[in-house]
Protein backbone atom coordinates (compact mmCIF):
# COMPACT_ATOMS: atom_id res chain seq x y z
CA MET A 1 78.42 155.18 -7.97
CA ALA A 2 82.07 155.06 -7.06
CA ASP A 3 84.06 151.97 -7.95
CA SER A 4 84.50 149.56 -5.06
CA PRO A 5 88.02 149.44 -3.69
CA ALA A 6 90.14 146.51 -4.77
CA ARG A 7 90.34 143.67 -2.29
CA THR A 8 92.40 140.54 -1.82
CA PRO A 9 90.77 137.09 -2.04
CA SER A 10 90.49 137.15 1.78
CA GLY A 11 88.41 140.31 1.65
CA ARG A 12 91.04 142.71 2.87
CA LEU A 13 91.70 145.99 1.10
CA SER A 14 94.43 145.56 -1.48
CA LEU A 15 97.66 147.31 -0.54
CA ALA A 16 98.99 146.69 -4.04
CA ALA A 17 96.17 148.91 -5.44
CA THR A 18 96.94 151.93 -3.29
CA PRO A 19 98.14 155.06 -5.19
CA GLU A 20 101.38 155.09 -3.21
CA GLN A 21 103.72 152.35 -4.33
CA ILE A 22 104.37 150.13 -1.30
CA ALA A 23 107.77 148.41 -1.37
CA LEU A 24 107.78 144.66 -1.75
CA GLY A 25 111.27 144.23 -0.35
CA PRO A 26 112.84 145.58 2.86
CA LEU A 27 115.65 147.44 1.12
CA ASP A 28 113.12 149.80 -0.48
CA GLY A 29 111.02 149.83 2.67
CA ARG A 30 112.22 149.91 6.28
CA TYR A 31 115.95 149.86 5.40
CA ARG A 32 115.86 152.47 2.64
CA PRO A 33 117.98 155.08 4.53
CA ALA A 34 120.91 152.65 4.84
CA VAL A 35 120.99 151.77 1.13
CA ALA A 36 119.67 154.90 -0.59
CA PRO A 37 123.08 156.03 -1.99
CA LEU A 38 123.19 152.87 -4.11
CA VAL A 39 120.11 154.03 -6.03
CA ASP A 40 122.30 156.50 -7.97
CA TYR A 41 124.34 153.63 -9.36
CA LEU A 42 122.56 150.27 -9.19
CA SER A 43 118.86 150.96 -9.64
CA GLU A 44 116.91 150.50 -12.86
CA ALA A 45 116.71 154.28 -13.24
CA ALA A 46 120.49 154.57 -12.81
CA LEU A 47 121.01 151.80 -15.40
CA ASN A 48 118.89 153.77 -17.86
CA ARG A 49 120.77 156.97 -17.14
CA ASP A 50 124.05 155.14 -17.73
CA ARG A 51 122.64 153.76 -21.00
CA VAL A 52 121.85 157.28 -22.08
CA ALA A 53 125.37 158.35 -21.08
CA VAL A 54 127.01 155.55 -23.08
CA GLU A 55 124.92 156.32 -26.16
CA VAL A 56 125.71 160.03 -25.90
CA GLU A 57 129.42 159.45 -25.44
CA TRP A 58 129.51 157.03 -28.36
CA PHE A 59 127.81 159.67 -30.52
CA ILE A 60 130.37 162.28 -29.44
CA HIS A 61 133.24 159.82 -29.90
CA LEU A 62 132.24 159.01 -33.45
CA THR A 63 131.82 162.64 -34.44
CA ARG A 64 134.88 163.96 -32.59
CA ASN A 65 137.07 161.44 -34.46
CA SER A 66 135.15 161.79 -37.78
CA VAL A 67 134.89 158.04 -37.93
CA LEU A 68 132.06 158.03 -40.47
CA PRO A 69 132.40 159.90 -43.81
CA GLY A 70 130.13 162.94 -43.69
CA THR A 71 130.55 163.58 -39.95
CA ALA A 72 132.65 166.25 -38.33
CA PRO A 73 133.34 167.22 -34.71
CA LEU A 74 130.42 168.90 -32.96
CA THR A 75 130.54 172.35 -31.52
CA ALA A 76 131.30 172.69 -27.81
CA GLU A 77 127.71 173.82 -27.34
CA GLN A 78 126.36 170.72 -29.10
CA GLU A 79 128.53 168.38 -27.03
CA GLU A 80 127.47 170.20 -23.86
CA GLY A 81 123.83 169.96 -24.92
CA LEU A 82 124.14 166.19 -25.50
CA ARG A 83 125.74 165.69 -22.12
CA ARG A 84 122.95 167.67 -20.47
CA ILE A 85 120.62 164.86 -21.54
CA VAL A 86 122.54 162.81 -18.97
CA THR A 87 123.16 165.36 -16.24
CA GLU A 88 119.49 166.51 -16.29
CA PHE A 89 118.09 162.98 -16.30
CA ASP A 90 115.34 163.00 -13.69
CA ALA A 91 112.05 161.40 -12.65
CA ALA A 92 110.30 162.85 -15.73
CA SER A 93 113.00 161.24 -17.89
CA VAL A 94 112.37 157.89 -16.21
CA ALA A 95 108.65 158.21 -16.92
CA GLU A 96 109.22 159.21 -20.55
CA LEU A 97 111.54 156.25 -21.11
CA ALA A 98 108.93 153.96 -19.62
CA GLU A 99 106.32 155.30 -22.06
CA ILE A 100 108.63 154.73 -25.00
CA GLU A 101 109.54 151.24 -23.81
CA ALA A 102 105.82 150.38 -23.48
CA VAL A 103 105.71 150.80 -27.28
CA THR A 104 109.10 149.39 -28.27
CA VAL A 105 109.00 146.57 -25.69
CA HIS A 106 112.79 146.96 -25.68
CA ASP A 107 114.64 148.95 -23.07
CA VAL A 108 117.76 149.85 -25.09
CA LYS A 109 115.73 150.80 -28.17
CA ALA A 110 113.72 153.11 -25.96
CA VAL A 111 116.94 154.86 -24.97
CA GLU A 112 117.88 155.32 -28.61
CA TYR A 113 114.50 156.93 -29.36
CA TYR A 114 114.69 159.03 -26.19
CA ILE A 115 117.98 160.57 -27.34
CA GLY A 116 116.76 160.92 -30.93
CA ARG A 117 113.87 163.09 -29.76
CA ARG A 118 116.36 165.66 -28.46
CA LEU A 119 118.70 165.99 -31.43
CA GLU A 120 116.61 168.43 -33.44
CA ALA A 121 116.74 171.06 -30.71
CA LEU A 122 120.53 170.74 -30.72
CA GLY A 123 120.78 171.23 -34.45
CA LEU A 124 121.70 167.58 -34.91
CA GLY A 125 118.50 166.17 -36.41
CA GLN A 126 120.36 165.11 -39.51
CA LEU A 127 122.51 162.75 -37.39
CA THR A 128 119.70 160.76 -35.77
CA ALA A 129 120.97 157.64 -37.60
CA LEU A 130 124.26 158.00 -35.70
CA VAL A 131 122.62 157.21 -32.37
CA HIS A 132 123.39 153.55 -31.52
CA PHE A 133 125.44 153.21 -34.71
CA GLY A 134 126.95 149.74 -35.12
CA CYS A 135 125.75 148.71 -31.66
CA THR A 136 123.95 145.71 -30.36
CA SER A 137 122.00 146.22 -27.13
CA GLU A 138 124.69 144.42 -25.19
CA ASP A 139 127.31 146.93 -26.32
CA ILE A 140 125.35 149.54 -24.38
CA ASN A 141 124.34 147.31 -21.48
CA ASN A 142 127.76 145.87 -20.63
CA LEU A 143 129.26 149.34 -20.49
CA SER A 144 126.36 150.73 -18.49
CA TYR A 145 126.52 147.94 -15.93
CA ALA A 146 130.29 148.33 -15.68
CA LEU A 147 129.91 152.06 -15.04
CA GLY A 148 127.12 151.50 -12.52
CA VAL A 149 128.95 148.79 -10.59
CA LYS A 150 132.17 150.76 -10.64
CA GLY A 151 130.43 153.87 -9.36
CA GLY A 152 128.53 151.94 -6.71
CA VAL A 153 131.67 150.22 -5.47
CA GLU A 154 134.04 153.16 -5.57
CA ASN A 155 131.64 155.86 -4.35
CA VAL A 156 129.31 154.02 -1.96
CA TRP A 157 130.29 150.50 -0.89
CA LEU A 158 134.06 150.95 -0.55
CA PRO A 159 133.83 154.16 1.54
CA ALA A 160 131.39 152.49 3.91
CA ALA A 161 133.50 149.32 4.14
CA ARG A 162 136.69 151.30 4.66
CA ALA A 163 135.11 153.31 7.45
CA LEU A 164 134.00 150.14 9.18
CA VAL A 165 137.40 148.51 8.93
CA GLY A 166 138.93 151.74 10.24
CA GLN A 167 136.48 151.62 13.16
CA ILE A 168 137.50 148.05 14.04
CA ALA A 169 141.22 149.02 13.65
CA ASP A 170 140.72 151.96 16.01
CA MET A 171 139.12 149.62 18.58
CA ALA A 172 142.10 147.29 18.18
CA ARG A 173 144.55 150.09 18.92
CA GLU A 174 142.56 151.34 21.89
CA ASN A 175 142.48 147.87 23.41
CA ARG A 176 145.89 146.61 22.29
CA ILE A 177 147.09 145.82 25.85
CA VAL A 178 143.78 144.79 27.40
CA PRO A 179 144.42 141.14 28.36
CA MET A 180 141.82 138.59 27.41
CA LEU A 181 141.45 134.83 27.85
CA SER A 182 141.45 133.01 24.55
CA ARG A 183 139.07 130.21 23.86
CA THR A 184 140.19 127.64 21.33
CA HIS A 185 137.45 125.09 20.67
CA GLY A 186 135.45 127.09 23.23
CA GLN A 187 137.84 126.12 26.02
CA PRO A 188 140.22 128.37 28.02
CA ALA A 189 143.47 128.74 26.13
CA THR A 190 146.66 130.84 25.95
CA PRO A 191 145.67 134.44 26.72
CA THR A 192 145.82 137.23 24.14
CA THR A 193 144.72 140.82 24.10
CA LEU A 194 141.36 142.14 22.97
CA GLY A 195 143.09 144.58 20.66
CA LYS A 196 145.12 141.91 18.92
CA GLU A 197 142.03 139.80 18.25
CA LEU A 198 140.24 142.79 16.76
CA ALA A 199 143.37 143.57 14.74
CA VAL A 200 143.17 140.11 13.19
CA MET A 201 139.69 140.88 11.91
CA ALA A 202 140.63 144.35 10.68
CA HIS A 203 143.67 142.87 8.87
CA ARG A 204 141.59 140.17 7.18
CA LEU A 205 138.95 142.63 6.05
CA GLY A 206 141.61 145.09 4.85
CA ARG A 207 143.17 142.46 2.62
CA GLN A 208 139.82 141.92 0.88
CA LEU A 209 139.37 145.69 0.45
CA ALA A 210 142.77 145.85 -1.23
CA ARG A 211 141.66 143.16 -3.69
CA ILE A 212 138.40 144.98 -4.37
CA GLU A 213 140.24 148.26 -4.91
CA ARG A 214 142.28 146.57 -7.66
CA THR A 215 139.17 145.43 -9.56
CA GLU A 216 139.44 145.68 -13.31
CA TYR A 217 136.11 146.78 -14.83
CA LEU A 218 135.99 145.48 -18.40
CA GLY A 219 133.87 146.63 -21.32
CA LYS A 220 133.42 146.06 -25.01
CA ILE A 221 131.67 147.69 -28.01
CA ASN A 222 132.09 145.44 -31.05
CA GLY A 223 128.69 144.50 -32.43
CA ALA A 224 126.28 141.60 -32.54
CA THR A 225 128.80 138.75 -32.16
CA GLY A 226 131.93 140.64 -31.24
CA ASP A 227 133.38 140.69 -34.75
CA PHE A 228 132.80 144.31 -35.85
CA ALA A 229 130.95 142.84 -38.83
CA ALA A 230 128.41 145.66 -39.26
CA HIS A 231 131.08 148.24 -38.62
CA VAL A 232 133.39 146.97 -41.33
CA ALA A 233 130.53 146.48 -43.77
CA SER A 234 129.33 150.04 -43.36
CA VAL A 235 132.64 151.89 -42.90
CA PRO A 236 135.51 149.64 -44.01
CA SER A 237 138.03 152.49 -43.85
CA ALA A 238 137.86 152.92 -40.08
CA ASP A 239 140.18 151.26 -37.61
CA TRP A 240 137.31 149.89 -35.57
CA GLN A 241 139.41 148.16 -32.95
CA GLN A 242 141.14 151.43 -32.11
CA VAL A 243 137.82 153.27 -32.15
CA SER A 244 136.37 150.71 -29.76
CA LYS A 245 139.42 150.57 -27.49
CA SER A 246 139.75 154.32 -27.14
CA PHE A 247 136.04 154.67 -26.41
CA VAL A 248 135.96 152.04 -23.69
CA GLU A 249 139.12 153.34 -22.06
CA GLY A 250 137.74 156.87 -22.29
CA LEU A 251 134.87 155.75 -20.07
CA GLY A 252 137.41 154.70 -17.43
CA LEU A 253 137.05 150.99 -18.17
CA THR A 254 139.40 148.27 -19.46
CA TRP A 255 138.82 147.25 -23.09
CA ASN A 256 138.05 143.57 -23.65
CA PRO A 257 139.13 142.70 -27.23
CA LEU A 258 137.71 139.18 -27.36
CA THR A 259 134.04 138.63 -26.70
CA THR A 260 130.91 137.06 -28.15
CA GLN A 261 127.80 139.24 -28.27
CA ILE A 262 128.28 139.80 -24.54
CA GLU A 263 131.21 140.94 -22.49
CA SER A 264 132.03 137.75 -20.65
CA HIS A 265 131.31 139.11 -17.13
CA ASP A 266 134.32 137.32 -15.64
CA TRP A 267 135.40 140.54 -13.94
CA GLN A 268 132.01 140.75 -12.25
CA ALA A 269 132.33 137.19 -10.95
CA GLU A 270 135.80 138.04 -9.58
CA LEU A 271 134.54 141.18 -7.87
CA TYR A 272 131.49 139.50 -6.37
CA ALA A 273 133.61 136.65 -5.02
CA ASP A 274 135.83 139.19 -3.26
CA ILE A 275 132.88 141.09 -1.81
CA ALA A 276 131.26 137.82 -0.70
CA ARG A 277 134.51 136.93 1.03
CA PHE A 278 134.53 140.30 2.76
CA ASN A 279 130.95 139.61 3.81
CA ARG A 280 131.87 136.26 5.28
CA ILE A 281 134.78 137.65 7.24
CA LEU A 282 132.52 140.39 8.56
CA HIS A 283 130.01 137.66 9.48
CA ASN A 284 132.81 136.12 11.58
CA VAL A 285 133.27 139.48 13.29
CA CYS A 286 129.56 139.51 14.10
CA THR A 287 129.55 136.02 15.59
CA ASP A 288 132.67 136.69 17.65
CA VAL A 289 131.47 140.00 19.01
CA TRP A 290 128.02 138.50 19.71
CA SER A 291 129.73 135.72 21.65
CA TYR A 292 131.88 138.16 23.61
CA ILE A 293 128.75 140.10 24.50
CA SER A 294 127.09 136.91 25.70
CA ILE A 295 129.91 136.20 28.17
CA GLY A 296 130.10 139.78 29.33
CA TYR A 297 133.34 140.91 27.68
CA PHE A 298 131.42 143.74 26.05
CA ALA A 299 128.65 145.68 27.73
CA GLN A 300 126.01 147.18 25.45
CA ILE A 301 125.18 150.81 26.04
CA PRO A 302 121.40 151.11 26.51
CA VAL A 303 119.60 153.47 24.12
CA ALA A 304 117.05 155.73 25.80
CA GLY A 305 113.53 154.60 24.99
CA ALA A 306 114.61 151.42 23.16
CA THR A 307 113.07 148.05 24.00
CA GLY A 308 115.27 144.96 24.14
CA SER A 309 112.50 142.43 24.74
CA SER A 310 108.74 142.83 24.61
CA THR A 311 108.41 140.91 27.88
CA MET A 312 111.79 140.97 29.64
CA PRO A 313 112.60 144.60 30.58
CA HIS A 314 116.20 143.88 31.60
CA LYS A 315 117.40 142.77 28.17
CA VAL A 316 119.64 144.69 25.76
CA ASN A 317 119.84 142.38 22.76
CA PRO A 318 122.77 142.39 20.27
CA ILE A 319 120.35 143.00 17.41
CA ARG A 320 122.74 144.98 15.21
CA PHE A 321 125.07 142.00 14.88
CA GLU A 322 122.21 139.51 14.39
CA ASN A 323 120.65 141.71 11.71
CA ALA A 324 124.04 142.03 10.03
CA GLU A 325 124.59 138.26 10.05
CA ALA A 326 121.33 137.68 8.19
CA ASN A 327 121.95 140.42 5.65
CA LEU A 328 125.52 139.23 5.01
CA GLU A 329 124.24 135.73 4.36
CA ILE A 330 121.63 137.04 1.90
CA SER A 331 124.17 139.26 0.15
CA SER A 332 126.74 136.51 -0.16
CA ALA A 333 124.19 134.05 -1.51
CA LEU A 334 123.15 136.52 -4.17
CA LEU A 335 126.74 137.39 -5.04
CA ASP A 336 127.58 133.68 -5.31
CA THR A 337 124.63 133.13 -7.61
CA LEU A 338 125.55 136.11 -9.77
CA GLY A 339 129.14 134.93 -10.05
CA ALA A 340 128.11 131.41 -11.04
CA THR A 341 125.47 132.51 -13.53
CA LEU A 342 127.29 135.34 -15.25
CA VAL A 343 130.35 133.39 -16.35
CA THR A 344 128.23 131.09 -18.52
CA SER A 345 126.37 132.01 -21.72
CA ARG A 346 125.14 129.59 -24.35
CA TRP A 347 127.08 129.99 -27.56
CA GLN A 348 127.17 133.67 -28.52
CA ARG A 349 124.30 134.87 -26.33
CA ASP A 350 121.54 133.98 -23.99
CA LEU A 351 119.54 136.17 -21.61
CA THR A 352 120.32 134.59 -18.25
CA ASP A 353 122.69 137.45 -17.50
CA SER A 354 120.04 140.06 -18.24
CA SER A 355 117.72 138.86 -15.48
CA SER A 356 120.56 138.11 -13.06
CA GLN A 357 122.23 141.52 -13.30
CA ARG A 358 119.04 143.26 -12.23
CA ASN A 359 119.77 141.91 -8.75
CA ILE A 360 123.27 143.40 -8.40
CA GLY A 361 121.88 146.33 -6.45
CA VAL A 362 119.99 144.00 -4.14
CA ALA A 363 123.19 142.03 -3.34
CA PHE A 364 125.13 145.24 -2.64
CA GLY A 365 122.20 146.64 -0.65
CA HIS A 366 122.16 143.77 1.84
CA SER A 367 125.93 144.11 2.30
CA MET A 368 125.61 147.89 2.84
CA LEU A 369 122.84 147.33 5.39
CA ALA A 370 125.02 144.86 7.28
CA ILE A 371 128.00 147.23 7.25
CA SER A 372 125.78 149.96 8.71
CA ASN A 373 124.46 147.67 11.42
CA VAL A 374 127.89 146.43 12.44
CA SER A 375 129.21 149.99 12.67
CA ARG A 376 126.24 151.03 14.84
CA GLY A 377 126.59 147.92 16.95
CA LEU A 378 130.27 148.47 17.61
CA ALA A 379 129.65 152.09 18.51
CA GLY A 380 127.29 150.94 21.24
CA LEU A 381 129.80 148.74 23.05
CA ASP A 382 131.87 149.28 26.22
CA VAL A 383 134.76 146.98 27.07
CA ALA A 384 134.13 145.28 30.43
CA GLU A 385 137.75 145.14 31.58
CA GLY A 386 136.75 143.88 35.03
CA VAL A 387 135.03 140.85 33.54
CA LEU A 388 138.01 140.16 31.32
CA ALA A 389 140.38 140.35 34.33
CA GLU A 390 138.19 138.10 36.49
CA ASP A 391 137.94 135.51 33.73
CA LEU A 392 141.73 135.39 33.44
CA ASP A 393 142.19 135.07 37.20
CA GLN A 394 139.84 132.06 37.25
CA ASN A 395 141.97 130.16 34.74
CA TRP A 396 145.52 129.84 36.02
CA GLU A 397 145.79 126.45 34.35
CA VAL A 398 146.45 128.25 31.02
CA LEU A 399 150.00 128.83 32.32
CA ALA A 400 150.66 125.11 31.89
CA GLU A 401 151.84 125.74 28.37
CA ALA A 402 154.37 128.35 29.50
CA ILE A 403 155.69 126.18 32.32
CA GLN A 404 156.21 123.06 30.24
CA MET A 405 157.93 125.11 27.52
CA VAL A 406 160.28 126.66 30.09
CA MET A 407 161.01 123.16 31.39
CA ARG A 408 161.91 122.01 27.88
CA ALA A 409 164.25 124.95 27.47
CA GLU A 410 165.82 124.22 30.82
CA ALA A 411 166.31 120.55 29.86
CA ILE A 412 168.10 121.59 26.67
CA ALA A 413 170.30 123.93 28.74
CA GLY A 414 171.30 120.98 30.93
CA VAL A 415 169.19 121.63 34.04
CA PRO A 416 168.44 118.23 35.66
CA GLY A 417 164.97 116.97 36.66
CA MET A 418 163.11 118.45 33.69
CA ASP A 419 161.88 115.08 32.41
CA ASN A 420 158.35 114.66 30.94
CA PRO A 421 157.26 118.29 31.23
CA TYR A 422 154.09 117.91 29.16
CA GLU A 423 152.93 114.87 31.08
CA ARG A 424 153.57 116.47 34.45
CA LEU A 425 151.62 119.60 33.55
CA LYS A 426 148.89 117.46 32.06
CA GLU A 427 148.53 115.59 35.34
CA LEU A 428 148.37 118.85 37.26
CA THR A 429 145.92 120.72 35.06
CA ARG A 430 143.84 118.54 32.77
CA GLY A 431 140.26 118.53 34.03
CA HIS A 432 141.30 120.46 37.14
CA ARG A 433 140.97 124.09 38.18
CA VAL A 434 144.33 125.36 39.46
CA ASP A 435 144.56 128.59 41.43
CA ALA A 436 147.47 130.99 41.74
CA ALA A 437 148.79 129.45 44.96
CA ARG A 438 148.86 125.90 43.63
CA MET A 439 150.50 126.95 40.38
CA LYS A 440 153.24 128.89 42.17
CA GLU A 441 153.79 125.98 44.53
CA PHE A 442 154.18 123.63 41.59
CA VAL A 443 156.71 125.98 39.93
CA SER A 444 158.73 126.31 43.13
CA GLU A 445 159.04 122.51 43.42
CA LEU A 446 160.40 121.96 39.87
CA GLY A 447 164.05 122.72 40.54
CA LEU A 448 164.33 125.34 37.75
CA SER A 449 167.24 127.71 37.45
CA ALA A 450 166.80 130.79 39.58
CA GLU A 451 166.18 133.04 36.57
CA ALA A 452 163.58 130.76 35.04
CA GLU A 453 161.81 130.23 38.33
CA ALA A 454 161.60 133.94 38.98
CA ARG A 455 160.25 134.52 35.50
CA LEU A 456 157.51 131.94 35.90
CA LEU A 457 156.58 133.03 39.41
CA ALA A 458 156.04 136.55 38.09
CA LEU A 459 153.84 135.30 35.27
CA THR A 460 150.06 135.60 35.53
CA PRO A 461 147.29 134.74 33.09
CA ALA A 462 146.89 138.46 32.43
CA SER A 463 150.55 138.95 31.57
CA TYR A 464 150.92 135.71 29.58
CA ASN A 465 150.12 137.08 26.14
CA GLY A 466 153.51 137.34 24.48
CA ILE A 467 153.78 140.34 22.11
CA ALA A 468 150.06 140.44 21.31
CA GLY A 469 149.93 144.22 21.85
CA ASP A 470 152.88 144.88 19.56
CA LEU A 471 151.27 142.85 16.77
CA VAL A 472 148.54 145.48 16.48
CA ASP A 473 151.20 147.73 14.90
CA HIS A 474 150.85 145.69 11.71
CA LEU A 475 147.64 147.61 11.06
CA ASP A 476 149.63 150.82 10.51
């Protein structure tokens, strides 16, 4: 008689018991295509591959420099064979490591044994003891995380973020002279251009990218409490600081000379703060664009076959920006937590960082998903220039600022009758809608100089935006 299928307490078939692993989280489920490239750098499997890489490179580093008496540089074939353990790391390797770890109950020790199994075939069986020599687990882990985060940032997250900022910058240039009514405190205010407002966002995001590009990825390899104690006890003749420094720098990282058992993770906190700040600025882009859509400044291009609302056929919802907002909030919250947790460790070591760092990929994944959604959302917008123009024409009172400033300048130049300009414009415009005819009539009655009067009579809400278009050039 076949075993009965597993069921939940409510009597339903258990999805957790199905042969196919069903994702618990959305990043490994419905959103997998948007975040898949991060798997090569920030997944558990990638972490183990980087651990193997660090152990292999440490082995090669010690032999190449004959650090230990009795060792000599390997042959080119042996070094190549060791590095193939990394380059050929695959699903079978992941499974084998899992089997070893089930016995060792220690992930880094499993990596040591995994490499040791392969040395005999390379003619290096006599050097099994050199694998993980002088290392504590955190020597391997801190370097592996640094390599994974560095690779994920430089090869996945930054290219996506740069592309998005470039997309916003291109929109800014295309719309540099498209006039738009500003809304300070949600109220009609001095006009600007759509391009200039987009340029502000691109500039803000670009500054954060520049900070992220300058990130210093630190690493250490100095033993159980950071003192090289086991190293000196076993091989007192070696210059262990130089051995450590040259190894870490050879991995493309910055050597940290002063640590406890762990590398202090300060660089991670700094990086995550910068990415969280990028997220929050991008969140501001989302809320602004969403708001512009809601008042008709942007029209959304319908997608054939897509449904905006299950009951209201006319709707095209700004779902890309709403989805991005939520994912940016989740990413930033995780990054904030990581930054706060990782900079603290009790005395020489505790394990809070170990659990926390396993969520780095999740934090980056939600940011990547948001970036993808914003990019797709922006690509589906058309600028409704007619709506922008009509909105400006309905708000001639925004010229009150220009008129009273011209009156001030005229007063300073000695033109009579320019008293109380602010108060006079306030009486005319505050709480009142003023059309073109009334505004021009008011200007004509002020007694301005001929040049100033002509300048103001030619001014419209659409043309009252200063050098907004020229300011977009700061993006270049």
